[in-house]
């Protein structure tokens, strides 16, 4: 695993020394210390750099307190502490997580909302649009190709029956 010193992390994570110190102090991103015990070098993994960038991005929309609550929710429910590997949907008044699962449809989980205080509420399970279409509405581009073009008019009629 590659390790990066603090001065490189500031550039790679587009962060500051103060932000790195705060993330370490709060236990959100804790770096490793290597070298002599009297003067160890502080180093971060690539995953930690990605985490710092994800937190910085979220920080544009949310408070650190809210970010810590989201991380706590993931950790408490067994999804890991990381944010950088999750698909988060940020709107003007909420943050939702698009939870993908193998062999199942993705779920949308509301993490925060200005109107609702509950965290982890399932919003909906999106439909797979291909299940609404008959195979005849798919057309291959070239002879022998697998179907990959959808007839949008047929799709609209299936979604909105008249």
Protein backbone atom coordinates (compact mmCIF):
# COMPACT_ATOMS: atom_id res chain seq x y z
CA UNK A 1 0.00 0.00 0.00
CA UNK A 2 1.27 3.47 -0.83
CA UNK A 3 1.59 6.02 1.95
CA UNK A 4 1.72 9.77 1.47
CA UNK A 5 3.27 12.35 3.82
CA UNK A 6 1.11 15.14 5.18
CA UNK A 7 2.53 17.81 2.84
CA UNK A 8 1.53 15.73 -0.21
CA UNK A 9 -1.89 14.95 1.28
CA UNK A 10 -2.67 18.65 1.55
CA UNK A 11 -2.22 18.93 -2.22
CA UNK A 12 -3.77 15.59 -3.23
CA UNK A 13 -6.81 15.95 -0.96
CA UNK A 14 -7.18 19.67 -1.69
CA UNK A 15 -7.27 20.30 2.01
CA UNK A 16 -5.37 22.21 4.68
CA UNK A 17 -3.20 21.26 7.63
CA UNK A 18 -5.90 22.55 9.97
CA UNK A 19 -8.57 20.38 8.33
CA UNK A 20 -6.31 17.31 8.52
CA UNK A 21 -5.67 17.99 12.21
CA UNK A 22 -9.40 18.38 12.87
CA UNK A 23 -10.26 15.14 11.04
CA UNK A 24 -7.63 13.32 13.10
CA UNK A 25 -8.76 14.91 16.38
CA UNK A 26 -12.39 13.89 15.78
CA UNK A 27 -11.36 10.38 14.72
CA UNK A 28 -12.87 10.67 11.25
CA UNK A 29 -9.56 10.13 9.38
CA UNK A 30 -6.68 8.96 11.55
CA UNK A 31 -3.27 8.81 9.81
CA UNK A 32 -0.44 6.40 10.59
CA UNK A 33 2.75 7.46 12.32
CA UNK A 34 5.98 5.85 11.15
CA UNK A 35 9.62 6.30 12.00
CA UNK A 36 11.24 7.28 15.26
CA UNK A 37 8.88 7.59 18.24
CA UNK A 38 10.39 10.98 19.16
CA UNK A 39 9.61 12.44 15.75
CA UNK A 40 7.33 10.19 13.70
CA UNK A 41 6.29 11.02 10.18
CA UNK A 42 2.51 11.30 9.67
CA UNK A 43 1.37 9.40 6.57
CA UNK A 44 -2.00 8.75 4.91
CA UNK A 45 -3.19 5.95 2.64
CA UNK A 46 -4.78 6.58 -0.73
CA UNK A 47 -8.18 5.55 0.68
CA UNK A 48 -7.79 8.16 3.42
CA UNK A 49 -7.00 10.81 0.81
CA UNK A 50 -10.16 9.86 -1.07
CA UNK A 51 -12.08 10.04 2.19
CA UNK A 52 -10.75 13.54 2.92
CA UNK A 53 -11.78 14.66 -0.56
CA UNK A 54 -15.27 13.18 -0.11
CA UNK A 55 -15.63 14.95 3.23
CA UNK A 56 -14.44 18.23 1.71
CA UNK A 57 -17.02 17.87 -1.03
CA UNK A 58 -19.78 17.13 1.47
CA UNK A 59 -18.59 20.01 3.64
CA UNK A 60 -19.64 22.40 0.88
CA UNK A 61 -23.25 21.42 1.67
CA UNK A 62 -23.25 20.01 5.21
CA UNK A 63 -21.85 20.71 8.65
CA UNK A 64 -19.18 18.49 10.17
CA UNK A 65 -21.73 17.41 12.75
CA UNK A 66 -24.04 16.11 10.01
CA UNK A 67 -21.13 14.39 8.23
CA UNK A 68 -20.18 12.68 11.51
CA UNK A 69 -23.80 11.52 11.91
CA UNK A 70 -23.78 10.04 8.39
CA UNK A 71 -20.48 8.24 9.08
CA UNK A 72 -21.95 7.00 12.37
CA UNK A 73 -25.04 5.70 10.58
CA UNK A 74 -22.92 3.72 8.12
CA UNK A 75 -20.73 2.33 10.89
CA UNK A 76 -23.67 1.43 13.19
CA UNK A 77 -25.44 -0.44 10.38
CA UNK A 78 -22.38 -2.38 9.21
CA UNK A 79 -21.67 -0.49 5.97
CA UNK A 80 -18.20 0.73 6.98
CA UNK A 81 -17.07 4.21 7.94
CA UNK A 82 -16.00 5.35 4.50
CA UNK A 83 -17.85 7.88 2.37
CA UNK A 84 -15.67 7.80 -0.74
CA UNK A 85 -17.02 4.43 -1.89
CA UNK A 86 -20.69 5.35 -1.47
CA UNK A 87 -22.96 7.02 -4.01
CA UNK A 88 -24.46 10.01 -2.23
CA UNK A 89 -27.15 12.18 -3.76
CA UNK A 90 -27.13 15.77 -2.45
CA UNK A 91 -30.10 18.04 -3.07
CA UNK A 92 -30.87 21.48 -1.68
CA UNK A 93 -32.55 20.03 1.42
CA UNK A 94 -31.41 16.41 1.82
CA UNK A 95 -28.66 13.84 1.41
CA UNK A 96 -29.56 10.35 0.23
CA UNK A 97 -27.50 7.23 -0.33
CA UNK A 98 -28.02 5.09 -3.42
CA UNK A 99 -27.40 1.66 -1.96
CA UNK A 100 -26.44 -0.84 -4.62
CA UNK A 101 -26.77 -4.52 -3.83
CA UNK A 102 -25.69 -7.55 -5.83
CA UNK A 103 -28.56 -9.31 -7.59
CA UNK A 104 -31.08 -6.72 -6.38
CA UNK A 105 -32.33 -3.31 -7.38
CA UNK A 106 -30.65 -0.31 -5.78
CA UNK A 107 -32.38 1.35 -2.87
CA UNK A 108 -32.45 5.04 -2.01
CA UNK A 109 -31.88 5.70 1.68
CA UNK A 110 -32.47 9.21 3.01
CA UNK A 111 -29.64 10.12 5.37
CA UNK A 112 -30.51 13.71 6.22
CA UNK A 113 -33.35 16.05 5.48
CA UNK A 114 -34.37 19.51 6.63
CA UNK A 115 -37.97 18.31 6.96
CA UNK A 116 -37.37 14.92 8.62
CA UNK A 117 -35.19 14.17 11.62
CA UNK A 118 -35.00 10.43 11.00
CA UNK A 119 -31.90 8.97 9.42
CA UNK A 120 -31.88 5.86 7.27
CA UNK A 121 -35.40 6.08 5.89
CA UNK A 122 -35.93 4.12 2.66
CA UNK A 123 -37.40 6.40 0.02
CA UNK A 124 -38.04 4.04 -2.87
CA UNK A 125 -36.66 1.26 -4.95
CA UNK A 126 -36.22 2.45 -8.52
CA UNK A 127 -37.71 0.33 -11.26
CA UNK A 128 -35.51 -1.23 -13.87
CA UNK A 129 -36.83 0.35 -17.11
CA UNK A 130 -35.88 -2.75 -19.12
CA UNK A 131 -38.48 -4.75 -17.20
CA UNK A 132 -41.18 -2.44 -18.53
CA UNK A 133 -40.23 -2.95 -22.16
CA UNK A 134 -40.99 -5.82 -24.42
CA UNK A 135 -37.99 -7.25 -26.29
CA UNK A 136 -39.43 -5.97 -29.57
CA UNK A 137 -38.70 -2.37 -28.52
CA UNK A 138 -34.93 -2.99 -28.51
CA UNK A 139 -33.07 -2.70 -31.80
CA UNK A 140 -29.45 -3.67 -32.52
CA UNK A 141 -27.28 -1.04 -34.18
CA UNK A 142 -25.54 -3.51 -36.46
CA UNK A 143 -26.19 -7.05 -37.60
CA UNK A 144 -25.17 -9.41 -34.80
CA UNK A 145 -25.00 -6.70 -32.10
CA UNK A 146 -26.78 -7.13 -28.82
CA UNK A 147 -29.80 -4.88 -28.45
CA UNK A 148 -28.91 -1.53 -26.89
CA UNK A 149 -31.32 1.06 -28.34
CA UNK A 150 -34.68 1.73 -26.71
CA UNK A 151 -37.83 2.90 -28.51
CA UNK A 152 -38.75 5.82 -26.23
CA UNK A 153 -42.33 6.10 -27.45
CA UNK A 154 -43.00 2.46 -26.57
CA UNK A 155 -41.32 3.03 -23.21
CA UNK A 156 -43.54 6.05 -22.44
CA UNK A 157 -46.67 4.07 -23.29
CA UNK A 158 -45.60 1.29 -20.92
CA UNK A 159 -44.89 3.73 -18.10
CA UNK A 160 -48.02 5.84 -18.62
CA UNK A 161 -50.79 3.56 -19.84
CA UNK A 162 -53.59 5.46 -21.55
